[in-house]
Protein backbone atom coordinates (compact mmCIF):
# COMPACT_ATOMS: atom_id res chain seq x y z
CA MET A 1 17.15 3.41 88.24
CA VAL A 2 17.12 2.96 84.47
CA GLN A 3 20.51 3.58 82.92
CA LYS A 4 21.41 5.04 79.50
CA TYR A 5 21.18 2.28 76.91
CA ASP A 6 23.85 1.03 74.56
CA ARG A 7 23.34 2.50 71.08
CA ASP A 8 24.05 -0.98 69.65
CA TYR A 9 20.96 -2.22 71.52
CA ALA A 10 23.12 -5.05 72.88
CA LEU A 11 20.50 -6.65 75.09
CA SER A 12 19.13 -10.15 75.41
CA ILE A 13 15.58 -10.53 74.12
CA PRO A 14 13.12 -12.14 76.55
CA PRO A 15 9.79 -13.39 75.18
CA THR A 16 7.38 -10.53 74.51
CA ASP A 17 4.75 -11.69 77.02
CA ASP A 18 7.36 -12.00 79.77
CA PHE A 19 8.81 -8.61 78.93
CA ASN A 20 5.45 -6.84 78.92
CA ALA A 21 4.40 -8.40 82.21
CA TYR A 22 7.69 -7.45 83.87
CA VAL A 23 8.00 -3.85 82.67
CA ILE A 24 4.34 -2.95 83.15
CA ALA A 25 4.42 -4.39 86.67
CA ALA A 26 7.51 -2.28 87.37
CA PHE A 27 5.67 0.85 86.18
CA GLU A 28 2.51 0.11 88.15
CA ASN A 29 4.58 -0.52 91.30
CA TYR A 30 6.38 2.84 90.92
CA GLU A 31 9.74 1.18 90.30
CA ILE A 32 10.13 3.14 87.04
CA ASN A 33 8.47 6.31 85.82
CA GLU A 34 6.57 6.80 82.57
CA GLN A 35 9.56 8.16 80.66
CA GLU A 36 11.64 5.17 81.72
CA LEU A 37 8.83 2.86 80.61
CA TYR A 38 8.91 4.41 77.12
CA GLU A 39 12.72 4.11 77.01
CA ILE A 40 12.69 0.44 78.00
CA GLN A 41 9.97 -0.40 75.46
CA ASN A 42 11.87 1.55 72.81
CA VAL A 43 15.10 -0.38 73.36
CA TYR A 44 13.30 -3.74 73.61
CA PHE A 45 11.30 -3.42 70.40
CA THR A 46 14.22 -1.87 68.52
CA LYS A 47 16.32 -4.87 69.48
CA CYS A 48 13.54 -7.30 68.50
CA TYR A 49 12.96 -5.70 65.10
CA LEU A 50 16.63 -5.23 64.19
CA ALA A 51 17.31 -8.90 65.00
CA HIS A 52 15.44 -9.83 61.79
CA ASP A 53 17.09 -10.05 58.37
CA ASN A 54 14.08 -9.07 56.25
CA PRO A 55 11.99 -5.88 55.99
CA ARG A 56 8.81 -7.55 57.25
CA GLY A 57 10.41 -8.72 60.49
CA GLN A 58 12.09 -5.34 60.90
CA SER A 59 8.62 -3.78 60.82
CA GLY A 60 7.20 -6.17 63.42
CA HIS A 61 5.58 -8.79 61.15
CA GLY A 62 6.50 -12.44 61.61
CA GLY A 63 5.13 -13.91 58.37
CA ASP A 64 6.33 -14.27 54.80
CA GLU A 65 5.51 -12.01 51.84
CA PHE A 66 2.19 -13.75 51.15
CA HIS A 67 0.97 -13.36 54.72
CA TYR A 68 2.14 -9.75 54.85
CA MET A 69 0.17 -8.88 51.74
CA TYR A 70 -2.85 -10.88 52.91
CA SER A 71 -2.84 -9.01 56.23
CA HIS A 72 -2.05 -5.46 55.08
CA LEU A 73 -3.45 -5.04 51.57
CA PRO A 74 -6.93 -4.08 52.93
CA ILE A 75 -5.42 -0.76 54.10
CA ILE A 76 -5.67 0.54 50.54
CA HIS A 77 -9.46 0.12 50.62
CA ALA A 78 -9.47 3.26 52.78
CA VAL A 79 -7.55 5.31 50.19
CA THR A 80 -9.91 7.16 47.86
CA LYS A 81 -7.89 10.20 46.76
CA ASN A 82 -4.37 11.56 46.42
CA GLY A 83 -2.75 13.15 49.45
CA THR A 84 -0.30 12.75 52.32
CA PHE A 85 -0.10 9.57 54.39
CA CYS A 86 1.60 9.24 57.78
CA ASP A 87 2.27 5.89 59.47
CA ILE A 88 2.39 6.36 63.24
CA GLY A 89 4.86 3.79 64.57
CA CYS A 90 6.42 3.29 61.14
CA ALA A 91 9.44 1.21 62.28
CA ASN A 92 11.62 0.58 59.19
CA GLY A 93 9.09 2.08 56.75
CA HIS A 94 8.07 -1.21 55.15
CA LEU A 95 4.34 -0.57 55.46
CA LEU A 96 4.74 2.86 53.85
CA GLU A 97 6.77 1.28 51.07
CA MET A 98 4.13 -1.37 50.35
CA VAL A 99 1.08 0.90 50.69
CA HIS A 100 2.69 3.34 48.24
CA LYS A 101 3.33 0.50 45.78
CA TRP A 102 -0.22 -0.82 46.08
CA VAL A 103 -2.05 2.52 45.79
CA SER A 104 0.17 3.57 42.88
CA GLY A 105 -0.96 0.40 41.13
CA VAL A 106 -4.57 1.55 41.26
CA GLY A 107 -3.83 5.13 40.26
CA PHE A 108 -3.43 7.12 43.50
CA ASP A 109 -0.48 9.33 44.36
CA LEU A 110 0.46 9.48 48.05
CA GLN A 111 3.30 11.35 49.71
CA MET A 112 4.54 9.08 52.49
CA PHE A 113 5.65 10.09 56.00
CA GLY A 114 6.48 8.16 59.15
CA VAL A 115 7.15 8.74 62.84
CA ASP A 116 8.58 6.31 65.37
CA ILE A 117 10.02 6.54 68.87
CA SER A 118 13.03 4.41 67.86
CA GLU A 119 16.02 6.30 66.51
CA GLY A 120 17.52 3.00 65.36
CA LEU A 121 14.47 2.05 63.30
CA ILE A 122 14.14 5.54 61.78
CA GLU A 123 17.80 5.39 60.76
CA LEU A 124 17.08 2.05 59.10
CA ALA A 125 14.02 3.50 57.32
CA GLN A 126 16.12 6.39 56.00
CA ARG A 127 18.78 3.99 54.68
CA ARG A 128 16.20 1.72 53.07
CA LEU A 129 14.13 4.54 51.55
CA PRO A 130 16.52 7.46 50.93
CA HIS A 131 14.04 9.24 48.62
CA TRP A 132 11.80 9.72 51.70
CA ARG A 133 14.67 10.43 54.07
CA ASP A 134 13.36 13.85 55.13
CA ASN A 135 9.85 12.45 55.68
CA PHE A 136 10.81 10.24 58.64
CA PHE A 137 10.73 11.66 62.16
CA VAL A 138 11.95 10.44 65.55
CA GLY A 139 9.42 11.14 68.28
CA ASN A 140 7.12 9.69 70.87
CA ALA A 141 3.87 9.93 68.90
CA HIS A 142 1.83 10.26 72.12
CA PHE A 143 3.37 13.73 72.59
CA TRP A 144 4.98 14.67 69.26
CA LYS A 145 3.10 17.00 66.90
CA PRO A 146 3.91 17.31 63.18
CA GLU A 147 4.47 20.73 61.62
CA LYS A 148 1.87 19.93 58.93
CA LYS A 149 -1.19 17.72 59.21
CA PHE A 150 -1.91 14.78 56.90
CA ASP A 151 -4.78 13.59 54.70
CA TYR A 152 -4.38 10.04 55.98
CA ILE A 153 -2.90 8.74 59.20
CA HIS A 154 -2.48 5.09 60.11
CA THR A 155 -1.72 3.11 63.23
CA ARG A 156 -2.27 -0.39 64.57
CA GLY A 157 -5.48 -1.54 66.21
CA GLU A 158 -4.00 -2.01 69.69
CA LEU A 159 -4.29 1.73 70.21
CA VAL A 160 -8.05 1.80 70.76
CA GLN A 161 -8.79 -1.57 72.30
CA LEU A 162 -10.82 -1.40 75.49
CA LYS A 163 -9.97 -4.62 77.27
CA GLU A 164 -10.47 -4.30 81.00
CA PRO A 165 -7.54 -5.67 83.01
CA SER A 166 -8.21 -8.57 85.34
CA GLU A 167 -7.13 -6.32 88.22
CA LYS A 168 -7.31 -2.55 88.44
CA PRO A 169 -3.87 -1.14 87.59
CA LYS A 170 -2.05 0.49 90.48
CA ARG A 171 -0.92 3.32 88.22
CA ARG A 172 -2.07 4.70 84.89
CA ARG A 173 -0.18 6.39 82.09
CA THR A 174 -0.54 10.08 81.28
CA PHE A 175 -2.46 9.26 78.10
CA ASP A 176 -5.17 6.63 77.96
CA SER A 177 -6.36 5.13 74.68
CA ARG A 178 -9.05 7.75 74.06
CA MET A 179 -6.68 10.62 74.75
CA ILE A 180 -4.13 9.14 72.32
CA PHE A 181 -6.80 8.65 69.65
CA GLU A 182 -8.06 12.22 70.01
CA HIS A 183 -4.50 13.58 70.09
CA PHE A 184 -3.91 11.98 66.69
CA MET A 185 -7.25 13.18 65.30
CA GLN A 186 -6.63 16.76 66.44
CA ASN A 187 -2.91 17.18 65.81
CA TYR A 188 -2.09 14.83 62.93
CA LEU A 189 -5.17 14.90 60.69
CA VAL A 190 -6.50 17.64 58.42
CA ASP A 191 -10.21 18.44 58.45
CA GLY A 192 -11.84 15.92 56.15
CA GLY A 193 -8.89 13.55 56.62
CA ARG A 194 -9.09 9.85 57.38
CA PHE A 195 -7.72 7.90 60.36
CA ILE A 196 -6.99 4.28 59.35
CA ILE A 197 -6.69 1.73 62.16
CA GLY A 198 -5.42 -1.80 61.69
CA PRO A 199 -5.21 -4.42 60.46
CA TYR A 200 -6.02 -6.29 63.65
CA TRP A 201 -7.32 -9.74 64.49
CA TYR A 202 -10.40 -10.41 66.57
CA GLU A 203 -12.56 -13.42 67.39
CA ASN A 204 -15.83 -12.86 69.24
CA GLU A 205 -15.83 -9.15 70.06
CA ASP A 206 -14.32 -6.36 68.00
CA ASP A 207 -12.70 -4.31 70.78
CA VAL A 208 -11.56 -1.59 68.38
CA LEU A 209 -15.08 -0.96 67.11
CA LYS A 210 -16.39 -1.22 70.66
CA GLY A 211 -13.91 1.41 71.81
CA LEU A 212 -14.65 3.86 69.02
CA LEU A 213 -18.42 3.65 69.47
CA SER A 214 -18.13 4.09 73.25
CA TRP A 215 -16.24 7.35 72.63
CA GLY A 216 -18.90 8.62 70.24
CA TYR A 217 -17.01 7.99 66.98
CA THR A 218 -18.81 6.18 64.18
CA PRO A 219 -16.45 4.55 61.65
CA THR A 220 -16.81 5.68 58.05
CA GLY A 221 -15.99 2.23 56.68
CA TYR A 222 -14.07 -0.98 57.12
CA SER A 223 -12.57 -3.93 55.27
CA GLU A 224 -12.72 -7.41 56.78
CA LYS A 225 -11.62 -10.91 55.84
CA THR A 226 -11.40 -14.32 57.48
CA HIS A 227 -8.08 -15.60 58.84
CA TYR A 228 -6.32 -17.68 56.19
CA ASN A 229 -6.47 -20.87 58.30
CA LYS A 230 -8.66 -20.05 61.34
CA SER A 231 -12.29 -19.56 60.34
CA ASP A 232 -13.29 -18.13 63.74
CA MET A 233 -10.83 -15.20 63.47
CA LYS A 234 -11.30 -12.03 61.43
CA ARG A 235 -8.75 -9.59 60.06
CA LYS A 236 -10.04 -6.02 59.92
CA VAL A 237 -9.08 -2.49 58.94
CA ILE A 238 -11.42 0.28 60.10
CA TRP A 239 -11.37 4.02 59.38
CA VAL A 240 -12.84 7.20 60.82
CA ASP A 241 -13.13 10.53 58.99
CA LYS A 242 -12.48 13.87 60.69
CA VAL A 243 -15.40 16.18 60.01
C-alpha cells in the first residue's frame, strides 16, 4: 500500500526509464490504483525537478539557456493577440515567465496562469513569481477545471502521442489521450481559443499530428525546426483552434 509521502520529498531518484517501467508495471498489475499512481509520479517528478539549482532544470529542461530558448521560442509563433495563457503542467513557472517576456517583446500582452499537480512546484512558482501568485493552481489537470476559461492553453506533446505499446496493457487509466485532449479543449479553452502543444521532438513519424488527425482535429498551424546537432530530428510546436 502506498504511504503518505514526506513533504521534504526525501526520496532517492532512480533513472526516469527505470522509474516509469516500475510504476506503470505496478499499476497494470493492480498493485497500486490510479490515485496512487498519480501520487507516486507527483513525488518522483517533484523530487527530480527540485534537485536542480536553476529554473530550467526545475521546469524539467536539462539544457542551458541557449538550448531552452532554441527549443521553446517557437511557442510564441502561435500567439497572435492579447489574452489569457494557461500552462498545463507549469512546474516552477519558468515557461510562463519566458513566454511572457518573449511575447511582450513583440507587442502582445498576456495574463499568465499555471496549474500543476505538484504542491511543491507550485509553491516554488509562487515564490519565484510573486506578482502571479494568485494565478497558480494545485490540481490534477486531468480532472481539475478552472473557474474561467483561457484564450490560450499549452501543454507538452506527450499528451497526444499515439504510440502503440509492444504488449497490450493489462489495465488502462480512466482518461486516455483523446479524453484528456478533449477535456482541455472543453473545460480550459474559450470558444475561438487556441490549444498549443509542444515543443516536441520527432524523427520519422509525427505521432502528435498523427493522433490529432485520427481524432478528427485539423491543426491550425505549426512551427518546426531541425535539431541543433541532429539533422534527422525535428522540433515542433503545433496548435489547434476551438471553433
